[in-house]
PDB file of N, CA and C in Angstrom:
ATOM      1  N   MET A   1       0.855  -1.174   0.000  1.00  0.00           N
ATOM      2  CA  MET A   1       0.000   0.000   0.000  1.00  0.00           C
ATOM      3  C   MET A   1       0.897   1.232   0.000  1.00  0.00           C
ATOM      4  N   ASN A   2       0.569   2.173  -0.858  1.00  0.00           N
ATOM      5  CA  ASN A   2       1.284   3.444  -0.917  1.00  0.00           C
ATOM      6  C   ASN A   2       0.385   4.553  -0.402  1.00  0.00           C
ATOM      7  N   ILE A   3       0.941   5.383   0.454  1.00  0.00           N
ATOM      8  CA  ILE A   3       0.200   6.548   0.926  1.00  0.00           C
ATOM      9  C   ILE A   3       0.455   7.673  -0.071  1.00  0.00           C
ATOM     10  N   THR A   4      -0.607   8.136  -0.739  1.00  0.00           N
ATOM     11  CA  THR A   4      -0.448   9.212  -1.711  1.00  0.00           C
ATOM     12  C   THR A   4      -0.542  10.572  -1.046  1.00  0.00           C
ATOM     13  N   GLU A   5      -1.280  10.634   0.070  1.00  0.00           N
ATOM     14  CA  GLU A   5      -1.369  11.885   0.819  1.00  0.00           C
ATOM     15  C   GLU A   5      -1.739  11.569   2.264  1.00  0.00           C
ATOM     16  N   ARG A   6      -1.086  12.251   3.183  1.00  0.00           N
ATOM     17  CA  ARG A   6      -1.408  12.113   4.610  1.00  0.00           C
ATOM     18  C   ARG A   6      -1.575  13.512   5.165  1.00  0.00           C
ATOM     19  N   LYS A   7      -2.755  13.766   5.741  1.00  0.00           N
ATOM     20  CA  LYS A   7      -3.063  15.103   6.229  1.00  0.00           C
ATOM     21  C   LYS A   7      -3.684  14.991   7.616  1.00  0.00           C
ATOM     22  N   GLN A   8      -3.251  15.858   8.519  1.00  0.00           N
ATOM     23  CA  GLN A   8      -3.863  15.900   9.844  1.00  0.00           C
ATOM     24  C   GLN A   8      -4.911  17.004   9.849  1.00  0.00           C
ATOM     25  N   ASN A   9      -6.146  16.622  10.122  1.00  0.00           N
ATOM     26  CA  ASN A   9      -7.261  17.554  10.172  1.00  0.00           C
ATOM     27  C   ASN A   9      -7.540  17.836  11.647  1.00  0.00           C
ATOM     28  N   LYS A  10      -6.993  18.922  12.155  1.00  0.00           N
ATOM     29  CA  LYS A  10      -7.129  19.240  13.579  1.00  0.00           C
ATOM     30  C   LYS A  10      -8.550  19.657  13.936  1.00  0.00           C
ATOM     31  N   LEU A  11      -9.257  20.243  12.989  1.00  0.00           N
ATOM     32  CA  LEU A  11     -10.630  20.673  13.245  1.00  0.00           C
ATOM     33  C   LEU A  11     -11.537  19.480  13.561  1.00  0.00           C
ATOM     34  N   LEU A  12     -11.344  18.378  12.828  1.00  0.00           N
ATOM     35  CA  LEU A  12     -12.169  17.190  13.035  1.00  0.00           C
ATOM     36  C   LEU A  12     -11.466  16.098  13.838  1.00  0.00           C
ATOM     37  N   ASN A  13     -10.271  16.400  14.372  1.00  0.00           N
ATOM     38  CA  ASN A  13      -9.515  15.457  15.210  1.00  0.00           C
ATOM     39  C   ASN A  13      -9.304  14.112  14.530  1.00  0.00           C
ATOM     40  N   ARG A  14      -8.751  14.173  13.307  1.00  0.00           N
ATOM     41  CA  ARG A  14      -8.495  12.933  12.586  1.00  0.00           C
ATOM     42  C   ARG A  14      -7.305  13.103  11.649  1.00  0.00           C
ATOM     43  N   ILE A  15      -6.771  11.970  11.240  1.00  0.00           N
ATOM     44  CA  ILE A  15      -5.732  11.915  10.219  1.00  0.00           C
ATOM     45  C   ILE A  15      -6.403  11.347   8.977  1.00  0.00           C
ATOM     46  N   GLU A  16      -6.198  12.001   7.854  1.00  0.00           N
ATOM     47  CA  GLU A  16      -6.804  11.581   6.598  1.00  0.00           C
ATOM     48  C   GLU A  16      -5.709  11.025   5.696  1.00  0.00           C
ATOM     49  N   ILE A  17      -5.883   9.781   5.279  1.00  0.00           N
ATOM     50  CA  ILE A  17      -4.890   9.111   4.450  1.00  0.00           C
ATOM     51  C   ILE A  17      -5.524   8.728   3.118  1.00  0.00           C
ATOM     52  N   SER A  18      -4.941   9.220   2.027  1.00  0.00           N
ATOM     53  CA  SER A  18      -5.308   8.762   0.686  1.00  0.00           C
ATOM     54  C   SER A  18      -4.299   7.691   0.311  1.00  0.00           C
ATOM     55  N   PHE A  19      -4.789   6.569  -0.226  1.00  0.00           N
ATOM     56  CA  PHE A  19      -3.890   5.459  -0.511  1.00  0.00           C
ATOM     57  C   PHE A  19      -4.168   4.852  -1.880  1.00  0.00           C
ATOM     58  N   SER A  20      -3.169   4.137  -2.367  1.00  0.00           N
ATOM     59  CA  SER A  20      -3.327   3.285  -3.544  1.00  0.00           C
ATOM     60  C   SER A  20      -2.668   1.951  -3.204  1.00  0.00           C
ATOM     61  N   TRP A  21      -3.300   0.881  -3.636  1.00  0.00           N
ATOM     62  CA  TRP A  21      -2.833  -0.457  -3.302  1.00  0.00           C
ATOM     63  C   TRP A  21      -2.838  -1.307  -4.559  1.00  0.00           C
ATOM     64  N   LYS A  22      -1.651  -1.727  -4.994  1.00  0.00           N
ATOM     65  CA  LYS A  22      -1.549  -2.643  -6.134  1.00  0.00           C
ATOM     66  C   LYS A  22      -1.611  -4.058  -5.585  1.00  0.00           C
ATOM     67  N   HIS A  23      -2.514  -4.853  -6.148  1.00  0.00           N
ATOM     68  CA  HIS A  23      -2.710  -6.217  -5.645  1.00  0.00           C
ATOM     69  C   HIS A  23      -2.686  -7.207  -6.800  1.00  0.00           C
ATOM     70  N   GLU A  24      -1.575  -7.229  -7.514  1.00  0.00           N
ATOM     71  CA  GLU A  24      -1.429  -8.138  -8.652  1.00  0.00           C
ATOM     72  C   GLU A  24      -1.434  -9.588  -8.185  1.00  0.00           C
ATOM     73  N   GLY A  25      -2.179 -10.406  -8.913  1.00  0.00           N
ATOM     74  CA  GLY A  25      -2.246 -11.829  -8.602  1.00  0.00           C
ATOM     75  C   GLY A  25      -3.118 -12.147  -7.407  1.00  0.00           C
ATOM     76  N   LYS A  26      -3.792 -11.147  -6.853  1.00  0.00           N
ATOM     77  CA  LYS A  26      -4.651 -11.357  -5.690  1.00  0.00           C
ATOM     78  C   LYS A  26      -6.027 -10.783  -5.977  1.00  0.00           C
ATOM     79  N   THR A  27      -6.968 -11.138  -5.144  1.00  0.00           N
ATOM     80  CA  THR A  27      -8.312 -10.584  -5.283  1.00  0.00           C
ATOM     81  C   THR A  27      -8.346  -9.156  -4.748  1.00  0.00           C
ATOM     82  N   THR A  28      -9.424  -8.467  -5.049  1.00  0.00           N
ATOM     83  CA  THR A  28      -9.609  -7.114  -4.525  1.00  0.00           C
ATOM     84  C   THR A  28      -9.635  -7.182  -3.007  1.00  0.00           C
ATOM     85  N   PRO A  29      -8.882  -6.334  -2.332  1.00  0.00           N
ATOM     86  CA  PRO A  29      -8.848  -6.388  -0.861  1.00  0.00           C
ATOM     87  C   PRO A  29     -10.202  -5.994  -0.259  1.00  0.00           C
ATOM     88  N   SER A  30     -10.552  -6.652   0.815  1.00  0.00           N
ATOM     89  CA  SER A  30     -11.800  -6.334   1.513  1.00  0.00           C
ATOM     90  C   SER A  30     -11.599  -5.082   2.370  1.00  0.00           C
ATOM     91  N   ARG A  31     -12.685  -4.527   2.828  1.00  0.00           N
ATOM     92  CA  ARG A  31     -12.626  -3.353   3.705  1.00  0.00           C
ATOM     93  C   ARG A  31     -11.852  -3.701   4.983  1.00  0.00           C
ATOM     94  N   LYS A  32     -12.019  -4.914   5.482  1.00  0.00           N
ATOM     95  CA  LYS A  32     -11.317  -5.360   6.687  1.00  0.00           C
ATOM     96  C   LYS A  32      -9.809  -5.404   6.445  1.00  0.00           C
ATOM     97  N   GLU A  33      -9.384  -5.901   5.286  1.00  0.00           N
ATOM     98  CA  GLU A  33      -7.952  -5.950   4.970  1.00  0.00           C
ATOM     99  C   GLU A  33      -7.375  -4.539   4.881  1.00  0.00           C
ATOM    100  N   VAL A  34      -8.126  -3.621   4.305  1.00  0.00           N
ATOM    101  CA  VAL A  34      -7.671  -2.230   4.217  1.00  0.00           C
ATOM    102  C   VAL A  34      -7.563  -1.632   5.617  1.00  0.00           C
ATOM    103  N   MET A  35      -8.558  -1.863   6.459  1.00  0.00           N
ATOM    104  CA  MET A  35      -8.529  -1.339   7.826  1.00  0.00           C
ATOM    105  C   MET A  35      -7.329  -1.890   8.601  1.00  0.00           C
ATOM    106  N   ASP A  36      -7.037  -3.183   8.437  1.00  0.00           N
ATOM    107  CA  ASP A  36      -5.906  -3.791   9.136  1.00  0.00           C
ATOM    108  C   ASP A  36      -4.585  -3.193   8.678  1.00  0.00           C
ATOM    109  N   LEU A  37      -4.461  -2.928   7.381  1.00  0.00           N
ATOM    110  CA  LEU A  37      -3.223  -2.345   6.879  1.00  0.00           C
ATOM    111  C   LEU A  37      -3.076  -0.888   7.298  1.00  0.00           C
ATOM    112  N   VAL A  38      -4.167  -0.143   7.310  1.00  0.00           N
ATOM    113  CA  VAL A  38      -4.124   1.257   7.758  1.00  0.00           C
ATOM    114  C   VAL A  38      -3.698   1.312   9.224  1.00  0.00           C
ATOM    115  N   LYS A  39      -4.181   0.355  10.006  1.00  0.00           N
ATOM    116  CA  LYS A  39      -3.813   0.298  11.429  1.00  0.00           C
ATOM    117  C   LYS A  39      -2.302   0.155  11.602  1.00  0.00           C
ATOM    118  N   THR A  40      -1.658  -0.608  10.730  1.00  0.00           N
ATOM    119  CA  THR A  40      -0.214  -0.780  10.833  1.00  0.00           C
ATOM    120  C   THR A  40       0.550   0.447  10.333  1.00  0.00           C
ATOM    121  N   LEU A  41      -0.056   1.235   9.456  1.00  0.00           N
ATOM    122  CA  LEU A  41       0.600   2.433   8.933  1.00  0.00           C
ATOM    123  C   LEU A  41       0.665   3.552   9.963  1.00  0.00           C
ATOM    124  N   GLU A  42      -0.273   3.567  10.897  1.00  0.00           N
ATOM    125  CA  GLU A  42      -0.316   4.594  11.944  1.00  0.00           C
ATOM    126  C   GLU A  42      -0.164   3.901  13.300  1.00  0.00           C
ATOM    127  N   PRO A  43       1.054   3.713  13.757  1.00  0.00           N
ATOM    128  CA  PRO A  43       1.253   3.045  15.052  1.00  0.00           C
ATOM    129  C   PRO A  43       0.535   3.790  16.175  1.00  0.00           C
ATOM    130  N   GLY A  44      -0.058   3.043  17.064  1.00  0.00           N
ATOM    131  CA  GLY A  44      -0.759   3.638  18.188  1.00  0.00           C
ATOM    132  C   GLY A  44      -2.206   4.003  17.888  1.00  0.00           C
ATOM    133  N   SER A  45      -2.646   3.780  16.649  1.00  0.00           N
ATOM    134  CA  SER A  45      -4.033   4.112  16.322  1.00  0.00           C
ATOM    135  C   SER A  45      -4.965   3.020  16.841  1.00  0.00           C
ATOM    136  N   ASN A  46      -6.137   3.431  17.241  1.00  0.00           N
ATOM    137  CA  ASN A  46      -7.135   2.503  17.748  1.00  0.00           C
ATOM    138  C   ASN A  46      -7.953   1.972  16.573  1.00  0.00           C
ATOM    139  N   PRO A  47      -7.982   0.649  16.344  1.00  0.00           N
ATOM    140  CA  PRO A  47      -8.732   0.105  15.209  1.00  0.00           C
ATOM    141  C   PRO A  47     -10.239   0.395  15.291  1.00  0.00           C
ATOM    142  N   GLU A  48     -10.734   0.697  16.470  1.00  0.00           N
ATOM    143  CA  GLU A  48     -12.153   1.038  16.630  1.00  0.00           C
ATOM    144  C   GLU A  48     -12.476   2.409  16.052  1.00  0.00           C
ATOM    145  N   TRP A  49     -11.461   3.212  15.805  1.00  0.00           N
ATOM    146  CA  TRP A  49     -11.670   4.591  15.349  1.00  0.00           C
ATOM    147  C   TRP A  49     -11.185   4.808  13.924  1.00  0.00           C
ATOM    148  N   ILE A  50     -11.095   3.731  13.127  1.00  0.00           N
ATOM    149  CA  ILE A  50     -10.674   3.823  11.722  1.00  0.00           C
ATOM    150  C   ILE A  50     -11.900   3.676  10.829  1.00  0.00           C
ATOM    151  N   VAL A  51     -12.006   4.577   9.855  1.00  0.00           N
ATOM    152  CA  VAL A  51     -13.111   4.540   8.894  1.00  0.00           C
ATOM    153  C   VAL A  51     -12.491   4.537   7.497  1.00  0.00           C
ATOM    154  N   VAL A  52     -12.919   3.587   6.664  1.00  0.00           N
ATOM    155  CA  VAL A  52     -12.440   3.507   5.286  1.00  0.00           C
ATOM    156  C   VAL A  52     -13.560   3.955   4.366  1.00  0.00           C
ATOM    157  N   LYS A  53     -13.239   4.912   3.485  1.00  0.00           N
ATOM    158  CA  LYS A  53     -14.233   5.459   2.560  1.00  0.00           C
ATOM    159  C   LYS A  53     -13.687   5.463   1.142  1.00  0.00           C
ATOM    160  N   ASP A  54     -14.578   5.563   0.200  1.00  0.00           N
ATOM    161  CA  ASP A  54     -14.242   5.775  -1.206  1.00  0.00           C
ATOM    162  C   ASP A  54     -13.255   4.757  -1.770  1.00  0.00           C
ATOM    163  N   CYS A  55     -13.399   3.489  -1.401  1.00  0.00           N
ATOM    164  CA  CYS A  55     -12.545   2.456  -2.003  1.00  0.00           C
ATOM    165  C   CYS A  55     -13.046   2.168  -3.412  1.00  0.00           C
ATOM    166  N   GLN A  56     -12.144   2.261  -4.365  1.00  0.00           N
ATOM    167  CA  GLN A  56     -12.498   2.004  -5.761  1.00  0.00           C
ATOM    168  C   GLN A  56     -11.418   1.140  -6.383  1.00  0.00           C
ATOM    169  N   THR A  57     -11.849   0.110  -7.100  1.00  0.00           N
ATOM    170  CA  THR A  57     -10.931  -0.743  -7.835  1.00  0.00           C
ATOM    171  C   THR A  57     -11.161  -0.510  -9.315  1.00  0.00           C
ATOM    172  N   ARG A  58     -10.097  -0.299 -10.050  1.00  0.00           N
ATOM    173  CA  ARG A  58     -10.189  -0.032 -11.474  1.00  0.00           C
ATOM    174  C   ARG A  58     -10.503  -1.323 -12.225  1.00  0.00           C
ATOM    175  N   PHE A  59     -11.443  -1.264 -13.155  1.00  0.00           N
ATOM    176  CA  PHE A  59     -11.804  -2.430 -13.941  1.00  0.00           C
ATOM    177  C   PHE A  59     -10.613  -2.857 -14.791  1.00  0.00           C
ATOM    178  N   GLY A  60     -10.247  -4.109 -14.690  1.00  0.00           N
ATOM    179  CA  GLY A  60      -9.149  -4.645 -15.480  1.00  0.00           C
ATOM    180  C   GLY A  60      -7.771  -4.322 -14.936  1.00  0.00           C
ATOM    181  N   GLN A  61      -7.707  -3.640 -13.807  1.00  0.00           N
ATOM    182  CA  GLN A  61      -6.418  -3.297 -13.219  1.00  0.00           C
ATOM    183  C   GLN A  61      -6.377  -3.764 -11.767  1.00  0.00           C
ATOM    184  N   PRO A  62      -5.242  -4.253 -11.338  1.00  0.00           N
ATOM    185  CA  PRO A  62      -5.121  -4.653  -9.927  1.00  0.00           C
ATOM    186  C   PRO A  62      -4.740  -3.464  -9.053  1.00  0.00           C
ATOM    187  N   LEU A  63      -5.566  -2.415  -9.059  1.00  0.00           N
ATOM    188  CA  LEU A  63      -5.275  -1.200  -8.313  1.00  0.00           C
ATOM    189  C   LEU A  63      -6.522  -0.730  -7.584  1.00  0.00           C
ATOM    190  N   THR A  64      -6.399  -0.563  -6.284  1.00  0.00           N
ATOM    191  CA  THR A  64      -7.479  -0.037  -5.463  1.00  0.00           C
ATOM    192  C   THR A  64      -7.004   1.258  -4.828  1.00  0.00           C
ATOM    193  N   THR A  65      -7.848   2.282  -4.902  1.00  0.00           N
ATOM    194  CA  THR A  65      -7.532   3.551  -4.256  1.00  0.00           C
ATOM    195  C   THR A  65      -8.639   3.858  -3.257  1.00  0.00           C
ATOM    196  N   GLY A  66      -8.327   4.701  -2.300  1.00  0.00           N
ATOM    197  CA  GLY A  66      -9.341   5.033  -1.312  1.00  0.00           C
ATOM    198  C   GLY A  66      -8.858   6.064  -0.326  1.00  0.00           C
ATOM    199  N   LEU A  67      -9.693   6.252   0.677  1.00  0.00           N
ATOM    200  CA  LEU A  67      -9.461   7.247   1.699  1.00  0.00           C
ATOM    201  C   LEU A  67      -9.767   6.604   3.048  1.00  0.00           C
ATOM    202  N   ALA A  68      -8.879   6.809   4.007  1.00  0.00           N
ATOM    203  CA  ALA A  68      -9.083   6.280   5.359  1.00  0.00           C
ATOM    204  C   ALA A  68      -8.956   7.419   6.359  1.00  0.00           C
ATOM    205  N   TYR A  69      -9.849   7.414   7.341  1.00  0.00           N
ATOM    206  CA  TYR A  69      -9.808   8.397   8.419  1.00  0.00           C
ATOM    207  C   TYR A  69      -9.466   7.671   9.704  1.00  0.00           C
ATOM    208  N   ILE A  70      -8.516   8.227  10.448  1.00  0.00           N
ATOM    209  CA  ILE A  70      -8.153   7.687  11.752  1.00  0.00           C
ATOM    210  C   ILE A  70      -8.481   8.762  12.773  1.00  0.00           C
ATOM    211  N   TYR A  71      -9.510   8.521  13.565  1.00  0.00           N
ATOM    212  CA  TYR A  71      -9.975   9.506  14.538  1.00  0.00           C
ATOM    213  C   TYR A  71      -9.205   9.385  15.848  1.00  0.00           C
ATOM    214  N   GLU A  72      -9.175  10.472  16.589  1.00  0.00           N
ATOM    215  CA  GLU A  72      -8.467  10.504  17.875  1.00  0.00           C
ATOM    216  C   GLU A  72      -9.320   9.984  19.023  1.00  0.00           C
ATOM    217  N   SER A  73     -10.644   9.981  18.852  1.00  0.00           N
ATOM    218  CA  SER A  73     -11.524   9.513  19.929  1.00  0.00           C
ATOM    219  C   SER A  73     -12.871   9.087  19.356  1.00  0.00           C
ATOM    220  N   GLN A  74     -13.628   8.408  20.179  1.00  0.00           N
ATOM    221  CA  GLN A  74     -14.984   7.992  19.798  1.00  0.00           C
ATOM    222  C   GLN A  74     -15.867   9.218  19.583  1.00  0.00           C
ATOM    223  N   GLU A  75     -15.672  10.250  20.400  1.00  0.00           N
ATOM    224  CA  GLU A  75     -16.475  11.471  20.279  1.00  0.00           C
ATOM    225  C   GLU A  75     -16.205  12.170  18.952  1.00  0.00           C
ATOM    226  N   ALA A  76     -14.957  12.120  18.478  1.00  0.00           N
ATOM    227  CA  ALA A  76     -14.612  12.748  17.201  1.00  0.00           C
ATOM    228  C   ALA A  76     -15.302  12.048  16.034  1.00  0.00           C
ATOM    229  N   MET A  77     -15.603  10.765  16.188  1.00  0.00           N
ATOM    230  CA  MET A  77     -16.267  10.010  15.124  1.00  0.00           C
ATOM    231  C   MET A  77     -17.732  10.390  14.952  1.00  0.00           C
ATOM    232  N   ALA A  78     -18.256  11.207  15.821  1.00  0.00           N
ATOM    233  CA  ALA A  78     -19.667  11.594  15.746  1.00  0.00           C
ATOM    234  C   ALA A  78     -19.985  12.364  14.465  1.00  0.00           C
ATOM    235  N   VAL A  79     -18.965  12.880  13.765  1.00  0.00           N
ATOM    236  CA  VAL A  79     -19.207  13.611  12.516  1.00  0.00           C
ATOM    237  C   VAL A  79     -19.569  12.671  11.373  1.00  0.00           C
ATOM    238  N   GLU A  80     -19.290  11.392  11.524  1.00  0.00           N
ATOM    239  CA  GLU A  80     -19.615  10.419  10.475  1.00  0.00           C
ATOM    240  C   GLU A  80     -21.105  10.098  10.487  1.00  0.00           C
ATOM    241  N   PRO A  81     -21.720   9.949   9.310  1.00  0.00           N
ATOM    242  CA  PRO A  81     -23.138   9.597   9.249  1.00  0.00           C
ATOM    243  C   PRO A  81     -23.405   8.209   9.840  1.00  0.00           C
ATOM    244  N   GLU A  82     -24.619   7.981  10.236  1.00  0.00           N
ATOM    245  CA  GLU A  82     -25.001   6.719  10.876  1.00  0.00           C
ATOM    246  C   GLU A  82     -24.736   5.507   9.980  1.00  0.00           C
ATOM    247  N   TYR A  83     -24.953   5.640   8.663  1.00  0.00           N
ATOM    248  CA  TYR A  83     -24.740   4.490   7.785  1.00  0.00           C
ATOM    249  C   TYR A  83     -23.266   4.075   7.743  1.00  0.00           C
ATOM    250  N   ILE A  84     -22.359   5.006   7.946  1.00  0.00           N
ATOM    251  CA  ILE A  84     -20.928   4.673   7.997  1.00  0.00           C
ATOM    252  C   ILE A  84     -20.636   3.866   9.259  1.00  0.00           C
ATOM    253  N   HIS A  85     -21.232   4.261  10.375  1.00  0.00           N
ATOM    254  CA  HIS A  85     -21.041   3.509  11.623  1.00  0.00           C
ATOM    255  C   HIS A  85     -21.599   2.097  11.468  1.00  0.00           C
ATOM    256  N   LYS A  86     -22.765   1.959  10.844  1.00  0.00           N
ATOM    257  CA  LYS A  86     -23.364   0.630  10.642  1.00  0.00           C
ATOM    258  C   LYS A  86     -22.493  -0.223   9.725  1.00  0.00           C
ATOM    259  N   ARG A  87     -21.924   0.385   8.702  1.00  0.00           N
ATOM    260  CA  ARG A  87     -21.080  -0.328   7.743  1.00  0.00           C
ATOM    261  C   ARG A  87     -19.831  -0.895   8.416  1.00  0.00           C
ATOM    262  N   HIS A  88     -19.292  -0.178   9.379  1.00  0.00           N
ATOM    263  CA  HIS A  88     -18.047  -0.589  10.017  1.00  0.00           C
ATOM    264  C   HIS A  88     -18.248  -1.387  11.310  1.00  0.00           C
ATOM    265  N   GLU A  89     -19.459  -1.442  11.845  1.00  0.00           N
ATOM    266  CA  GLU A  89     -19.640  -2.101  13.142  1.00  0.00           C
ATOM    267  C   GLU A  89     -19.347  -3.593  13.089  1.00  0.00           C
ATOM    268  N   VAL A  90     -19.564  -4.243  11.960  1.00  0.00           N
ATOM    269  CA  VAL A  90     -19.268  -5.673  11.865  1.00  0.00           C
ATOM    270  C   VAL A  90     -17.764  -5.920  12.010  1.00  0.00           C
ATOM    271  N   PHE A  91     -16.936  -4.989  11.574  1.00  0.00           N
ATOM    272  CA  PHE A  91     -15.489  -5.137  11.704  1.00  0.00           C
ATOM    273  C   PHE A  91     -15.030  -4.822  13.114  1.00  0.00           C
ATOM    274  N   ARG A  92     -15.739  -3.961  13.786  1.00  0.00           N
ATOM    275  CA  ARG A  92     -15.365  -3.582  15.138  1.00  0.00           C
ATOM    276  C   ARG A  92     -15.716  -4.673  16.155  1.00  0.00           C
ATOM    277  N   SER A  93     -16.738  -5.450  15.870  1.00  0.00           N
ATOM    278  CA  SER A  93     -17.137  -6.503  16.800  1.00  0.00           C
ATOM    279  C   SER A  93     -16.234  -7.731  16.700  1.00  0.00           C
ATOM    280  N   GLY A  94     -15.406  -7.778  15.641  1.00  0.00           N
ATOM    281  CA  GLY A  94     -14.512  -8.915  15.474  1.00  0.00           C
ATOM    282  C   GLY A  94     -15.119 -10.035  14.678  1.00  0.00           C
ATOM    283  N   ASN A  95     -16.372  -9.893  14.258  1.00  0.00           N
ATOM    284  CA  ASN A  95     -17.039 -10.923  13.464  1.00  0.00           C
ATOM    285  C   ASN A  95     -17.127 -10.466  12.014  1.00  0.00           C
ATOM    286  N   ALA A  96     -15.997 -10.367  11.363  1.00  0.00           N
ATOM    287  CA  ALA A  96     -15.963  -9.841  10.001  1.00  0.00           C
ATOM    288  C   ALA A  96     -16.682 -10.786   9.054  1.00  0.00           C
ATOM    289  N   ALA A  97     -17.860 -10.392   8.643  1.00  0.00           N
ATOM    290  CA  ALA A  97     -18.631 -11.162   7.685  1.00  0.00           C
ATOM    291  C   ALA A  97     -18.187 -10.765   6.288  1.00  0.00           C
ATOM    292  N   PRO A  98     -18.396 -11.625   5.300  1.00  0.00           N
ATOM    293  CA  PRO A  98     -18.023 -11.261   3.946  1.00  0.00           C
ATOM    294  C   PRO A  98     -18.812 -10.031   3.487  1.00  0.00           C
ATOM    295  N   GLU A  99     -18.137  -9.196   2.736  1.00  0.00           N
ATOM    296  CA  GLU A  99     -18.799  -7.995   2.235  1.00  0.00           C
ATOM    297  C   GLU A  99     -19.632  -8.370   1.022  1.00  0.00           C
ATOM    298  N   GLY A 100     -20.634  -7.571   0.798  1.00  0.00           N
ATOM    299  CA  GLY A 100     -21.466  -7.797  -0.369  1.00  0.00           C
ATOM    300  C   GLY A 100     -22.089  -6.499  -0.813  1.00  0.00           C
ATOM    301  N   GLY A 101     -22.497  -6.459  -2.051  1.00  0.00           N
ATOM    302  CA  GLY A 101     -23.148  -5.257  -2.574  1.00  0.00           C
ATOM    303  C   GLY A 101     -22.173  -4.138  -2.816  1.00  0.00           C
ATOM    304  N   ASP A 102     -22.720  -2.969  -3.060  1.00  0.00           N
ATOM    305  CA  ASP A 102     -21.913  -1.778  -3.366  1.00  0.00           C
ATOM    306  C   ASP A 102     -21.803  -0.883  -2.157  1.00  0.00           C
ATOM    307  N   GLU A 103     -21.341  -1.404  -1.070  1.00  0.00           N
ATOM    308  CA  GLU A 103     -21.261  -0.607   0.154  1.00  0.00           C
ATOM    309  C   GLU A 103     -20.086   0.287   0.123  1.00  0.00           C
TER     310      GLU A 103
END
């Protein structure tokens, strides 16, 4: 995974990471795999406070790009819409179910 941009947003108490991930010979990475890798890129980050957005895989190319937010606290995550919290709660509980649909 390559970090294309890393920005600290002090107003929203989060770190914003734009990334690109080449995955030749492998399947498209799941949201859980992206979250796990983002966690390793920011040592000391709490996996409960990571949100992955805008993941896109190019048709015919083994390249996925996206945006990840690493919040400083649970209270800072309140800016995220409810559907984002619902989308990520399965990963936070530790029961990562297979993803489906265009989430």
